[in-house]
N, C-alpha and C. Protein backbone atom coordinates (compact mmCIF):
# COMPACT_ATOMS: atom_id res chain seq x y z
N UNK A 1 -238.02 82.27 197.19
CA UNK A 1 -238.91 81.99 198.37
C UNK A 1 -239.66 83.20 198.87
N UNK A 2 -241.01 83.06 199.15
CA UNK A 2 -241.78 84.31 199.78
C UNK A 2 -241.24 84.39 201.33
N UNK A 3 -241.65 85.53 201.73
CA UNK A 3 -241.11 85.76 203.32
C UNK A 3 -241.86 84.83 204.19
N UNK A 4 -243.05 84.48 204.00
CA UNK A 4 -244.01 83.70 204.90
C UNK A 4 -243.27 82.33 204.57
N UNK A 5 -242.97 81.76 203.40
CA UNK A 5 -242.25 80.39 203.40
C UNK A 5 -240.94 80.43 204.06
N UNK A 6 -240.33 81.57 203.81
CA UNK A 6 -238.80 81.50 204.29
C UNK A 6 -239.10 81.37 205.81
N UNK A 7 -239.85 82.16 206.51
CA UNK A 7 -240.07 82.22 207.95
C UNK A 7 -240.57 80.65 208.41
N UNK A 8 -241.31 79.97 207.50
CA UNK A 8 -241.89 78.60 207.86
C UNK A 8 -240.69 77.76 207.90
N UNK A 9 -239.73 77.90 207.06
CA UNK A 9 -238.77 76.85 206.86
C UNK A 9 -237.73 77.13 207.90
N UNK A 10 -237.47 78.47 208.43
CA UNK A 10 -236.64 78.82 209.46
C UNK A 10 -237.20 78.07 210.62
N UNK A 11 -238.49 78.22 210.89
CA UNK A 11 -239.16 77.60 212.14
C UNK A 11 -238.75 76.17 212.10
N UNK A 12 -238.87 75.36 210.93
CA UNK A 12 -238.79 73.99 210.73
C UNK A 12 -237.25 73.76 211.37
N UNK A 13 -236.15 74.55 211.25
CA UNK A 13 -234.96 74.40 211.68
C UNK A 13 -234.85 74.26 213.15
N UNK A 14 -235.63 75.40 213.72
CA UNK A 14 -235.67 75.56 215.14
C UNK A 14 -236.29 74.44 215.83
N UNK A 15 -237.31 73.92 215.23
CA UNK A 15 -238.11 72.71 215.74
C UNK A 15 -237.20 71.45 215.54
N UNK A 16 -236.58 71.40 214.58
CA UNK A 16 -235.62 70.20 214.49
C UNK A 16 -234.61 70.22 215.49
N UNK A 17 -234.15 71.34 215.94
CA UNK A 17 -232.96 71.53 216.91
C UNK A 17 -233.74 71.27 218.41
N UNK A 18 -234.80 71.63 218.40
CA UNK A 18 -235.63 71.51 219.92
C UNK A 18 -236.28 70.01 220.00
N UNK A 19 -236.16 69.38 218.88
CA UNK A 19 -236.69 67.76 218.84
C UNK A 19 -238.28 67.82 218.92
N UNK A 20 -238.80 68.99 218.38
CA UNK A 20 -240.24 69.03 218.38
C UNK A 20 -241.09 68.52 217.22
N UNK A 21 -240.28 68.14 216.14
CA UNK A 21 -240.93 67.54 214.89
C UNK A 21 -241.47 66.11 215.11
N UNK A 22 -242.51 65.70 215.09
CA UNK A 22 -243.17 64.27 215.14
C UNK A 22 -242.63 63.59 214.02
N UNK A 23 -242.31 62.27 214.32
CA UNK A 23 -242.16 61.31 213.18
C UNK A 23 -242.78 61.50 211.90
N UNK A 24 -244.09 61.53 212.02
CA UNK A 24 -244.98 61.75 210.90
C UNK A 24 -244.64 62.89 209.94
N UNK A 25 -244.38 63.89 210.54
CA UNK A 25 -244.08 65.12 209.89
C UNK A 25 -242.61 65.00 209.25
N UNK A 26 -241.80 64.24 209.81
CA UNK A 26 -240.39 63.98 209.41
C UNK A 26 -240.61 63.20 208.25
N UNK A 27 -241.51 62.21 208.06
CA UNK A 27 -241.70 61.41 206.88
C UNK A 27 -242.38 62.36 205.78
N UNK A 28 -243.22 63.25 206.11
CA UNK A 28 -243.74 64.20 205.00
C UNK A 28 -242.76 65.02 204.42
N UNK A 29 -241.79 65.46 205.36
CA UNK A 29 -240.64 66.48 204.82
C UNK A 29 -239.88 65.75 203.74
N UNK A 30 -239.34 64.36 204.31
CA UNK A 30 -238.57 63.59 203.50
C UNK A 30 -239.28 63.29 202.27
N UNK A 31 -240.41 62.98 202.20
CA UNK A 31 -241.25 62.66 201.00
C UNK A 31 -241.38 63.87 199.97
N UNK A 32 -241.45 65.13 200.59
CA UNK A 32 -241.18 66.28 199.68
C UNK A 32 -240.04 66.40 199.28
N UNK A 33 -238.80 66.18 199.91
CA UNK A 33 -237.53 66.33 199.25
C UNK A 33 -237.51 65.36 198.08
N UNK A 34 -237.81 64.09 198.30
CA UNK A 34 -237.82 62.89 197.45
C UNK A 34 -238.42 63.32 196.10
N UNK A 35 -239.57 63.97 196.33
CA UNK A 35 -240.51 64.12 195.06
C UNK A 35 -240.11 65.51 194.49
N UNK A 36 -239.05 66.09 195.03
CA UNK A 36 -238.67 67.29 194.27
C UNK A 36 -239.28 68.63 194.60
N UNK A 37 -240.22 68.46 195.56
CA UNK A 37 -240.94 69.55 195.93
C UNK A 37 -240.40 70.63 196.92
N UNK A 38 -239.05 70.52 197.22
CA UNK A 38 -238.21 71.32 198.09
C UNK A 38 -237.24 72.05 197.06
N UNK A 39 -237.45 71.93 195.88
CA UNK A 39 -236.46 72.38 194.88
C UNK A 39 -235.23 71.81 194.63
N UNK A 40 -234.44 72.00 193.54
CA UNK A 40 -233.22 71.30 193.33
C UNK A 40 -231.98 71.82 194.05
N UNK A 41 -232.30 73.22 194.43
CA UNK A 41 -231.00 73.74 195.25
C UNK A 41 -231.64 74.91 196.16
N UNK A 42 -230.81 75.54 196.86
CA UNK A 42 -231.16 76.80 197.67
C UNK A 42 -231.59 76.25 199.17
N UNK A 43 -231.76 77.41 199.76
CA UNK A 43 -232.07 77.28 201.28
C UNK A 43 -232.96 76.31 201.58
N UNK A 44 -234.20 76.34 200.89
CA UNK A 44 -235.33 75.42 201.40
C UNK A 44 -234.99 73.83 201.28
N UNK A 45 -234.21 73.61 200.13
CA UNK A 45 -233.74 72.15 200.14
C UNK A 45 -232.82 71.76 201.36
N UNK A 46 -231.68 72.76 201.56
CA UNK A 46 -230.73 72.54 202.78
C UNK A 46 -231.53 72.33 203.90
N UNK A 47 -232.42 73.36 204.24
CA UNK A 47 -233.06 73.48 205.60
C UNK A 47 -233.89 72.23 205.58
N UNK A 48 -234.61 71.63 204.81
CA UNK A 48 -235.59 70.53 204.82
C UNK A 48 -234.72 69.33 205.11
N UNK A 49 -233.44 69.03 204.38
CA UNK A 49 -232.74 68.05 204.66
C UNK A 49 -232.05 67.98 206.02
N UNK A 50 -231.63 69.30 206.44
CA UNK A 50 -231.06 69.38 207.87
C UNK A 50 -232.32 68.96 208.78
N UNK A 51 -233.40 69.38 208.57
CA UNK A 51 -234.43 69.04 209.54
C UNK A 51 -234.74 67.54 209.59
N UNK A 52 -234.54 66.81 208.52
CA UNK A 52 -234.82 65.27 208.32
C UNK A 52 -233.60 64.51 209.07
N UNK A 53 -232.38 65.14 208.69
CA UNK A 53 -231.21 64.50 209.34
C UNK A 53 -231.24 64.66 210.84
N UNK A 54 -231.52 65.80 211.45
CA UNK A 54 -231.61 66.12 212.85
C UNK A 54 -232.87 65.46 213.54
N UNK A 55 -234.03 65.50 212.94
CA UNK A 55 -235.15 65.13 213.66
C UNK A 55 -235.46 63.71 213.25
N UNK A 56 -235.04 63.00 212.09
CA UNK A 56 -235.29 61.78 211.81
C UNK A 56 -234.12 60.75 212.16
N UNK A 57 -232.95 61.43 212.08
CA UNK A 57 -231.75 60.27 212.45
C UNK A 57 -231.53 59.35 211.36
N UNK A 58 -230.72 58.38 211.63
CA UNK A 58 -229.93 57.40 210.58
C UNK A 58 -230.89 56.67 209.76
N UNK A 59 -232.23 56.57 210.32
CA UNK A 59 -233.35 55.99 209.49
C UNK A 59 -233.36 56.43 208.02
N UNK A 60 -232.89 57.75 207.89
CA UNK A 60 -232.96 58.64 206.70
C UNK A 60 -231.69 58.67 206.01
N UNK A 61 -230.82 57.58 206.61
CA UNK A 61 -229.34 57.57 205.66
C UNK A 61 -229.53 57.61 204.16
N UNK A 62 -230.32 56.68 203.56
CA UNK A 62 -230.29 56.56 202.13
C UNK A 62 -230.79 57.81 201.34
N UNK A 63 -231.57 58.45 202.12
CA UNK A 63 -232.00 59.88 201.57
C UNK A 63 -230.69 60.93 201.62
N UNK A 64 -230.30 61.06 202.70
CA UNK A 64 -229.21 62.02 203.00
C UNK A 64 -227.80 61.63 201.85
N UNK A 65 -227.80 60.29 201.82
CA UNK A 65 -226.58 59.86 200.98
C UNK A 65 -226.78 60.22 199.43
N UNK A 66 -228.06 60.34 199.25
CA UNK A 66 -228.14 60.79 197.67
C UNK A 66 -227.64 62.11 197.43
N UNK A 67 -227.42 62.88 198.26
CA UNK A 67 -226.83 64.25 198.16
C UNK A 67 -225.38 64.54 198.33
N UNK A 68 -224.73 63.29 198.56
CA UNK A 68 -223.31 63.44 198.81
C UNK A 68 -222.50 64.19 197.66
N UNK A 69 -222.89 63.72 196.43
CA UNK A 69 -222.17 64.20 195.28
C UNK A 69 -223.38 65.19 194.74
N UNK A 70 -223.43 66.42 194.99
CA UNK A 70 -224.53 67.28 194.54
C UNK A 70 -224.17 68.46 193.77
N UNK A 71 -223.49 68.57 192.70
CA UNK A 71 -223.23 69.76 192.18
C UNK A 71 -224.27 70.98 192.06
N UNK A 72 -225.45 70.76 191.95
CA UNK A 72 -226.49 71.89 191.91
C UNK A 72 -226.31 72.77 193.26
N UNK A 73 -225.87 72.18 194.31
CA UNK A 73 -225.79 72.97 195.42
C UNK A 73 -224.75 72.44 196.51
N UNK A 74 -223.60 72.94 196.37
CA UNK A 74 -222.41 72.52 197.22
C UNK A 74 -222.67 72.43 198.73
N UNK A 75 -223.59 73.48 199.13
CA UNK A 75 -223.79 73.39 200.57
C UNK A 75 -224.67 72.05 200.95
N UNK A 76 -225.59 71.72 200.16
CA UNK A 76 -226.24 70.47 200.36
C UNK A 76 -225.43 69.32 200.50
N UNK A 77 -224.49 69.26 199.52
CA UNK A 77 -223.44 68.20 199.32
C UNK A 77 -222.59 68.28 200.81
N UNK A 78 -222.25 69.40 201.24
CA UNK A 78 -221.29 69.47 202.42
C UNK A 78 -222.07 69.25 203.77
N UNK A 79 -223.57 69.37 203.57
CA UNK A 79 -224.38 68.99 204.75
C UNK A 79 -224.42 67.33 205.02
N UNK A 80 -224.58 66.81 203.74
CA UNK A 80 -224.75 65.39 203.50
C UNK A 80 -223.32 64.68 204.27
N UNK A 81 -222.41 65.24 203.74
CA UNK A 81 -220.96 64.64 204.20
C UNK A 81 -220.92 65.03 205.75
N UNK A 82 -221.30 65.94 206.46
CA UNK A 82 -221.25 66.29 207.75
C UNK A 82 -221.92 65.34 208.51
N UNK A 83 -223.28 65.18 208.04
CA UNK A 83 -224.28 64.29 208.67
C UNK A 83 -223.62 62.76 208.64
N UNK A 84 -223.23 62.29 207.48
CA UNK A 84 -222.89 60.95 207.34
C UNK A 84 -221.61 60.64 208.06
N UNK A 85 -220.56 61.43 208.06
CA UNK A 85 -219.20 61.25 208.80
C UNK A 85 -219.16 61.66 210.24
N UNK A 86 -219.59 62.92 210.31
CA UNK A 86 -219.27 63.43 211.79
C UNK A 86 -220.36 63.04 212.85
N UNK A 87 -221.64 63.14 212.25
CA UNK A 87 -222.87 62.85 213.00
C UNK A 87 -223.29 61.43 213.29
N UNK A 88 -223.44 60.82 212.11
CA UNK A 88 -223.91 59.46 212.32
C UNK A 88 -222.71 58.45 212.28
N UNK A 89 -221.68 58.85 211.82
CA UNK A 89 -220.47 57.98 211.81
C UNK A 89 -220.57 56.72 210.91
N UNK A 90 -221.19 57.04 209.82
CA UNK A 90 -221.38 55.83 208.86
C UNK A 90 -220.55 56.15 207.49
N UNK A 91 -219.58 56.99 207.60
CA UNK A 91 -218.85 57.58 206.49
C UNK A 91 -217.99 56.58 205.65
N UNK A 92 -217.51 55.65 206.36
CA UNK A 92 -216.77 54.51 205.76
C UNK A 92 -217.58 53.75 204.62
N UNK A 93 -218.89 53.66 204.65
CA UNK A 93 -219.80 53.05 203.51
C UNK A 93 -219.54 54.08 202.36
N UNK A 94 -219.19 55.30 202.50
CA UNK A 94 -219.12 56.31 201.19
C UNK A 94 -217.63 56.76 201.10
N UNK A 95 -216.72 56.08 201.35
CA UNK A 95 -215.23 56.43 201.24
C UNK A 95 -214.96 56.88 199.77
N UNK A 96 -215.61 56.24 198.86
CA UNK A 96 -215.31 56.45 197.37
C UNK A 96 -215.83 57.81 197.28
N UNK A 97 -217.04 58.27 197.43
CA UNK A 97 -217.45 59.47 197.32
C UNK A 97 -216.60 60.69 198.24
N UNK A 98 -216.04 60.34 199.30
CA UNK A 98 -215.33 61.33 200.09
C UNK A 98 -214.03 61.37 199.34
N UNK A 99 -213.45 60.36 198.95
CA UNK A 99 -212.15 60.54 198.18
C UNK A 99 -212.21 61.41 196.97
N UNK A 100 -213.46 61.28 196.31
CA UNK A 100 -213.77 62.21 194.97
C UNK A 100 -213.67 63.51 195.50
N UNK A 101 -214.46 63.75 196.48
CA UNK A 101 -214.71 65.29 197.01
C UNK A 101 -213.24 65.74 197.55
N UNK A 102 -212.45 64.96 198.10
CA UNK A 102 -211.08 65.39 198.39
C UNK A 102 -210.41 66.00 197.17
N UNK A 103 -210.77 65.46 196.01
CA UNK A 103 -210.18 66.08 194.83
C UNK A 103 -210.57 67.46 194.25
N UNK A 104 -211.16 68.14 195.09
CA UNK A 104 -211.81 69.53 195.00
C UNK A 104 -212.42 69.61 193.50
N UNK A 105 -213.63 69.04 193.50
CA UNK A 105 -214.44 69.07 192.16
C UNK A 105 -214.71 70.59 191.76
N UNK A 106 -214.74 70.69 190.44
CA UNK A 106 -215.00 72.28 189.81
C UNK A 106 -216.12 72.77 190.37
N UNK A 107 -217.15 72.06 190.64
CA UNK A 107 -218.38 72.81 190.90
C UNK A 107 -218.45 73.11 192.46
N UNK A 108 -217.46 72.90 193.36
CA UNK A 108 -217.51 73.25 194.67
C UNK A 108 -216.67 74.58 194.73
N UNK A 109 -217.19 75.79 194.39
CA UNK A 109 -216.71 76.89 194.13
C UNK A 109 -216.11 77.70 195.36
N UNK A 110 -216.65 77.50 196.30
CA UNK A 110 -216.21 78.00 197.82
C UNK A 110 -215.71 77.04 198.57
N UNK A 111 -215.17 75.78 198.31
CA UNK A 111 -214.65 74.74 199.04
C UNK A 111 -215.39 74.35 200.09
N UNK A 112 -216.80 74.46 200.04
CA UNK A 112 -217.62 74.11 201.33
C UNK A 112 -217.40 72.54 201.18
N UNK A 113 -217.66 71.81 200.21
CA UNK A 113 -217.73 70.43 200.23
C UNK A 113 -216.27 69.87 200.47
N UNK A 114 -215.28 70.38 199.96
CA UNK A 114 -213.92 69.88 200.13
C UNK A 114 -213.53 70.08 201.60
N UNK A 115 -213.97 70.98 202.32
CA UNK A 115 -213.62 71.16 203.80
C UNK A 115 -214.36 70.12 204.53
N UNK A 116 -215.64 69.86 204.13
CA UNK A 116 -216.38 69.01 204.88
C UNK A 116 -215.92 67.60 204.58
N UNK A 117 -215.18 67.38 203.46
CA UNK A 117 -214.73 66.09 203.16
C UNK A 117 -213.35 65.90 203.91
N UNK A 118 -212.62 66.86 203.94
CA UNK A 118 -211.30 66.77 204.86
C UNK A 118 -211.76 66.27 206.14
N UNK A 119 -212.62 67.05 206.73
CA UNK A 119 -213.10 66.82 208.20
C UNK A 119 -213.47 65.38 208.28
N UNK A 120 -214.49 65.13 207.21
CA UNK A 120 -215.33 63.66 207.19
C UNK A 120 -214.32 62.54 207.20
N UNK A 121 -213.26 62.97 206.19
CA UNK A 121 -212.27 61.62 206.15
C UNK A 121 -211.43 61.50 207.54
N UNK A 122 -211.33 62.47 208.35
CA UNK A 122 -210.60 62.39 209.66
C UNK A 122 -211.57 61.52 210.52
N UNK A 123 -212.92 61.66 210.54
CA UNK A 123 -213.70 60.95 211.49
C UNK A 123 -213.76 59.58 210.83
N UNK A 124 -213.77 59.31 209.56
CA UNK A 124 -213.89 57.98 209.04
C UNK A 124 -212.43 57.31 209.57
N UNK A 125 -211.38 57.92 209.69
CA UNK A 125 -210.14 57.20 210.05
C UNK A 125 -210.06 57.03 211.47
N UNK A 126 -210.76 58.01 212.28
CA UNK A 126 -210.88 57.71 213.44
C UNK A 126 -211.47 56.53 214.15
N UNK A 127 -212.47 56.09 213.27
CA UNK A 127 -213.24 54.95 213.57
C UNK A 127 -212.72 53.74 212.72
N UNK A 128 -211.69 53.87 211.89
CA UNK A 128 -211.09 52.58 211.30
C UNK A 128 -210.01 52.97 210.41
N UNK A 129 -208.91 52.35 210.30
CA UNK A 129 -207.76 52.58 209.36
C UNK A 129 -208.24 52.49 207.80
N UNK A 130 -207.81 53.40 207.02
CA UNK A 130 -208.07 53.25 205.74
C UNK A 130 -206.81 53.95 204.97
N UNK A 131 -205.94 53.10 204.43
CA UNK A 131 -204.56 53.81 204.00
C UNK A 131 -204.84 54.71 202.77
N UNK A 132 -205.94 54.54 201.94
CA UNK A 132 -206.01 55.27 200.88
C UNK A 132 -206.47 56.70 201.41
N UNK A 133 -207.29 56.72 202.17
CA UNK A 133 -207.77 58.09 202.78
C UNK A 133 -206.84 58.79 203.58
N UNK A 134 -206.03 58.00 204.44
CA UNK A 134 -204.95 58.68 205.20
C UNK A 134 -203.97 59.28 204.23
N UNK A 135 -203.59 58.47 203.20
CA UNK A 135 -202.56 58.98 201.98
C UNK A 135 -203.18 60.30 201.40
N UNK A 136 -204.27 60.16 201.23
CA UNK A 136 -204.98 61.55 200.63
C UNK A 136 -204.89 62.61 201.39
N UNK A 137 -205.27 62.59 202.76
CA UNK A 137 -205.03 63.67 203.84
C UNK A 137 -203.79 64.13 203.92
N UNK A 138 -202.73 63.05 203.89
CA UNK A 138 -201.31 63.27 204.15
C UNK A 138 -200.75 64.24 203.05
N UNK A 139 -201.25 63.76 201.80
CA UNK A 139 -200.59 64.60 200.64
C UNK A 139 -201.19 65.80 200.53
N UNK A 140 -202.37 66.18 201.03
CA UNK A 140 -203.12 67.36 201.01
C UNK A 140 -202.35 68.27 202.08
N UNK A 141 -202.13 67.63 203.26
CA UNK A 141 -201.27 68.49 204.25
C UNK A 141 -199.96 68.81 204.07
N UNK A 142 -199.26 68.12 203.15
CA UNK A 142 -197.92 68.27 202.83
C UNK A 142 -197.73 68.92 201.64
N UNK A 143 -198.53 68.87 200.69
CA UNK A 143 -198.54 69.48 199.41
C UNK A 143 -199.40 70.45 198.95
N UNK A 144 -200.47 70.62 199.60
CA UNK A 144 -201.49 71.54 199.47
C UNK A 144 -202.36 71.01 198.28
N UNK A 145 -202.77 71.94 197.53
CA UNK A 145 -203.71 71.58 196.22
C UNK A 145 -203.12 72.19 194.99
N UNK A 146 -201.89 72.21 194.89
CA UNK A 146 -201.36 72.88 193.49
C UNK A 146 -201.62 74.42 193.56
N UNK A 147 -202.45 74.66 192.59
CA UNK A 147 -202.80 76.21 192.31
C UNK A 147 -203.69 76.71 193.51
N UNK A 148 -204.23 75.59 194.17
CA UNK A 148 -205.21 76.07 195.26
C UNK A 148 -204.42 76.07 196.51
N UNK A 149 -203.28 75.78 196.69
CA UNK A 149 -202.54 75.66 197.89
C UNK A 149 -202.62 76.83 198.80
N UNK A 150 -203.02 76.62 200.02
CA UNK A 150 -203.07 77.87 200.92
C UNK A 150 -202.74 77.08 202.50
N UNK A 151 -202.45 77.95 203.26
CA UNK A 151 -202.16 77.43 204.61
C UNK A 151 -203.40 76.87 205.38
N UNK A 152 -204.60 77.50 205.19
CA UNK A 152 -205.74 77.38 205.99
C UNK A 152 -206.13 75.83 205.60
N UNK A 153 -206.22 75.41 204.40
CA UNK A 153 -206.56 74.10 203.84
C UNK A 153 -205.54 73.03 204.48
N UNK A 154 -204.33 73.19 204.55
CA UNK A 154 -203.18 72.34 204.94
C UNK A 154 -203.41 72.20 206.30
N UNK A 155 -203.80 73.36 207.28
CA UNK A 155 -203.88 73.17 208.57
C UNK A 155 -204.99 72.25 208.84
N UNK A 156 -206.24 72.66 208.06
CA UNK A 156 -207.41 71.73 208.04
C UNK A 156 -207.23 70.26 208.03
N UNK A 157 -206.34 70.04 207.00
CA UNK A 157 -205.94 68.43 206.71
C UNK A 157 -205.08 67.93 207.74
N UNK A 158 -204.19 68.83 208.42
CA UNK A 158 -203.36 68.34 209.59
C UNK A 158 -204.33 67.94 210.83
N UNK A 159 -205.33 68.85 211.05
CA UNK A 159 -206.21 68.64 212.17
C UNK A 159 -207.01 67.50 211.92
N UNK A 160 -207.49 67.08 210.55
CA UNK A 160 -208.22 65.83 210.37
C UNK A 160 -207.49 64.79 210.61
N UNK A 161 -206.15 64.90 210.27
CA UNK A 161 -205.26 63.70 210.51
C UNK A 161 -204.97 63.39 211.98
N UNK A 162 -204.95 64.54 212.71
CA UNK A 162 -204.63 64.33 214.20
C UNK A 162 -205.96 63.71 214.76
N UNK A 163 -206.93 64.15 214.39
CA UNK A 163 -208.35 63.63 214.79
C UNK A 163 -208.47 62.09 214.53
N UNK A 164 -207.79 61.72 213.32
CA UNK A 164 -207.81 60.20 212.75
C UNK A 164 -206.97 59.68 213.88
N UNK A 165 -205.88 60.14 214.28
CA UNK A 165 -204.81 59.37 215.12
C UNK A 165 -205.45 59.42 216.47
N UNK A 166 -206.53 59.99 216.78
CA UNK A 166 -207.12 59.92 218.15
C UNK A 166 -206.88 61.12 219.01
N UNK A 167 -206.52 62.26 218.47
CA UNK A 167 -206.54 63.56 219.14
C UNK A 167 -207.89 63.89 219.72
N UNK A 168 -208.07 64.38 220.90
CA UNK A 168 -209.30 64.85 221.44
C UNK A 168 -209.61 66.48 220.87
N UNK A 169 -210.73 66.72 221.23
CA UNK A 169 -211.29 68.26 220.68
C UNK A 169 -210.26 69.16 221.58
N UNK A 170 -210.03 69.02 222.87
CA UNK A 170 -209.17 69.92 223.31
C UNK A 170 -207.68 70.10 222.92
N UNK A 171 -207.22 68.75 222.48
CA UNK A 171 -205.85 68.85 221.90
C UNK A 171 -205.89 69.33 220.53
N UNK A 172 -207.05 69.56 219.86
CA UNK A 172 -207.17 70.14 218.40
C UNK A 172 -207.25 71.69 218.51
N UNK A 173 -207.55 71.96 219.67
CA UNK A 173 -207.96 73.56 219.92
C UNK A 173 -207.02 74.27 220.77
N UNK A 174 -205.90 73.47 221.48
CA UNK A 174 -205.06 74.06 222.27
C UNK A 174 -203.58 73.28 222.23
N UNK A 175 -202.65 73.99 221.61
CA UNK A 175 -201.52 73.39 221.60
C UNK A 175 -200.75 73.08 222.77
N UNK A 176 -199.94 71.99 223.06
CA UNK A 176 -199.14 71.90 224.25
C UNK A 176 -198.29 72.99 224.46
N UNK A 177 -198.04 73.14 225.82
CA UNK A 177 -197.31 74.46 226.17
C UNK A 177 -195.85 74.36 225.78
N UNK A 178 -195.39 75.29 225.09
CA UNK A 178 -193.95 75.39 224.54
C UNK A 178 -193.76 74.76 223.21
N UNK A 179 -194.95 74.25 222.60
CA UNK A 179 -194.92 73.70 221.22
C UNK A 179 -195.54 74.60 220.15
N UNK A 180 -194.73 74.97 219.17
CA UNK A 180 -195.26 75.77 218.09
C UNK A 180 -196.16 75.06 217.17
N UNK A 181 -196.96 75.76 216.57
CA UNK A 181 -198.04 75.05 215.44
C UNK A 181 -197.15 74.28 214.46
N UNK A 182 -196.08 74.63 213.95
CA UNK A 182 -195.23 74.05 213.06
C UNK A 182 -194.78 72.73 213.57
N UNK A 183 -194.25 72.77 214.80
CA UNK A 183 -193.65 71.76 215.52
C UNK A 183 -194.90 70.62 215.71
N UNK A 184 -196.06 71.11 215.98
CA UNK A 184 -197.15 70.17 216.39
C UNK A 184 -197.51 69.53 215.05
N UNK A 185 -197.62 70.30 214.01
CA UNK A 185 -197.97 69.84 212.64
C UNK A 185 -197.06 68.60 212.17
N UNK A 186 -195.92 68.98 212.36
CA UNK A 186 -194.81 67.91 211.96
C UNK A 186 -194.83 66.79 212.51
N UNK A 187 -195.21 66.71 213.97
CA UNK A 187 -195.47 65.61 214.70
C UNK A 187 -196.59 64.92 214.19
N UNK A 188 -197.53 65.50 213.96
CA UNK A 188 -198.78 64.73 213.48
C UNK A 188 -198.52 64.10 212.07
N UNK A 189 -197.77 64.91 211.11
CA UNK A 189 -197.66 64.09 209.89
C UNK A 189 -196.65 63.18 210.00
N UNK A 190 -195.62 63.23 210.96
CA UNK A 190 -194.75 62.05 211.15
C UNK A 190 -195.40 60.91 211.52
N UNK A 191 -196.19 61.13 212.64
CA UNK A 191 -197.19 60.01 213.05
C UNK A 191 -197.83 59.37 212.12
N UNK A 192 -198.57 60.04 211.20
CA UNK A 192 -199.25 59.53 210.01
C UNK A 192 -198.36 58.84 209.15
N UNK A 193 -197.16 59.30 208.83
CA UNK A 193 -196.40 58.47 207.88
C UNK A 193 -196.09 57.14 208.47
N UNK A 194 -195.67 57.11 209.74
CA UNK A 194 -195.16 56.09 210.52
C UNK A 194 -196.40 55.06 210.49
N UNK A 195 -197.82 55.46 210.72
CA UNK A 195 -198.76 54.57 210.48
C UNK A 195 -199.17 53.97 209.27
N UNK A 196 -198.67 54.57 208.08
CA UNK A 196 -198.84 54.14 206.86
C UNK A 196 -197.69 53.23 206.60
N UNK A 197 -196.48 53.58 207.18
CA UNK A 197 -195.46 52.47 207.02
C UNK A 197 -195.72 51.15 207.68
N UNK A 198 -196.08 51.44 208.98
CA UNK A 198 -196.57 50.06 209.77
C UNK A 198 -197.62 49.19 209.02
N UNK A 199 -198.55 50.00 208.26
CA UNK A 199 -199.59 49.26 207.59
C UNK A 199 -199.19 48.56 206.35
N UNK A 200 -198.06 49.28 205.79
CA UNK A 200 -197.48 48.54 204.55
C UNK A 200 -196.65 47.41 205.02
N UNK A 201 -196.20 47.22 205.98
CA UNK A 201 -195.46 46.04 206.46
C UNK A 201 -196.14 44.85 207.13
N UNK A 202 -197.51 45.21 207.37
CA UNK A 202 -198.26 44.05 207.89
C UNK A 202 -198.75 43.12 206.89
N UNK A 203 -198.77 41.79 207.31
CA UNK A 203 -199.08 40.64 206.27
C UNK A 203 -200.60 40.74 206.02
């Protein structure tokens, strides 16, 4: 990408945040993405998709959704997950893809999509119960990912479960007084297991 083009795309992001991209231009940007004129991967595609999502809104859901599973650029895939689950809250439509991404696909080398999917699953569950998604998060929180097991990922899964169970942002960022992180985490996981148990006994 040339310096001039790079600066132009950066300005596009700023304008998307400011709300100064008119609908007709959003349509043109979306058209460029659809026709492949933004490239298959890299900063330009990511930033154009960001601009479409931010300035165009849910009317562009079909376009954003085509990038949910996008091995050519995991950051683009992660963006699509974040927009559809946390921003537009339509993630339940794409639960199959989210479950696939929770499996840590080989092409997600830096875990960008995996982390977005964990968070996204929490938002889906916040808006409606899904036993399979909750079970997947619970397994990640309790067992890690085998050879990829680490504390950060498990904490991320616990926080997503807490959000799913209705925890506020404040509750996720500040532990109750006198409660350790381990105690809080165990309480969240216990509540999740109870929720799955209750669901299994409902007619």
